[in-house]
């Protein structure tokens, strides 16, 4: 994630402030790297083992928060960067996903960035009713209507590993927007 954001030039615009990683998962190396660069991090995840790993790092710049992303209520104008990578699809209600994204857009500071991913209709898991799936157009309409500016958009498809090591067909819409 850090390399992706670096490659897209995000850190040319933000060099300090707060970062929210909502649904941070077990990819904690980016969080640690951001903290070592001087950012203050709020890392939110529902999995106690992920939060415990982060807390073991004992980095004063990282605030590890155990909780559901659906219940996390960010303050307005708080974050320079918000990351929601491969987490929103695990919220079953598309309306709830839209509500979360709306709340996150309000939490961005002026010129702040939000990076999020949504799983597409062609994703192999698309029959799972406990998850949500969007077309790229739905994602674009949602973000465009929040008054955010498009910075980078892509859709990636193909076979790849899941976090548990199995293979599946992915369709992931990636959105990087700026306030």
Foldseek 3Di string as FASTA:
>chain_A
DVVVCVVLPLCVPPQEFEEEEAQVPQPCPVVVVSVVSPYQYEYEHQDPVSLVVVVVVVRPSYDYYHDHLLPDQADFQHGLEYEHEPPQQQALDPVSSLVSVLRVVRNHHAFGKYKYKFWACPWPCNVDNSGDHDHLVVVCVSVVVSVWAFRDWDWDWDWDADPVGDITITIMIITMTTD
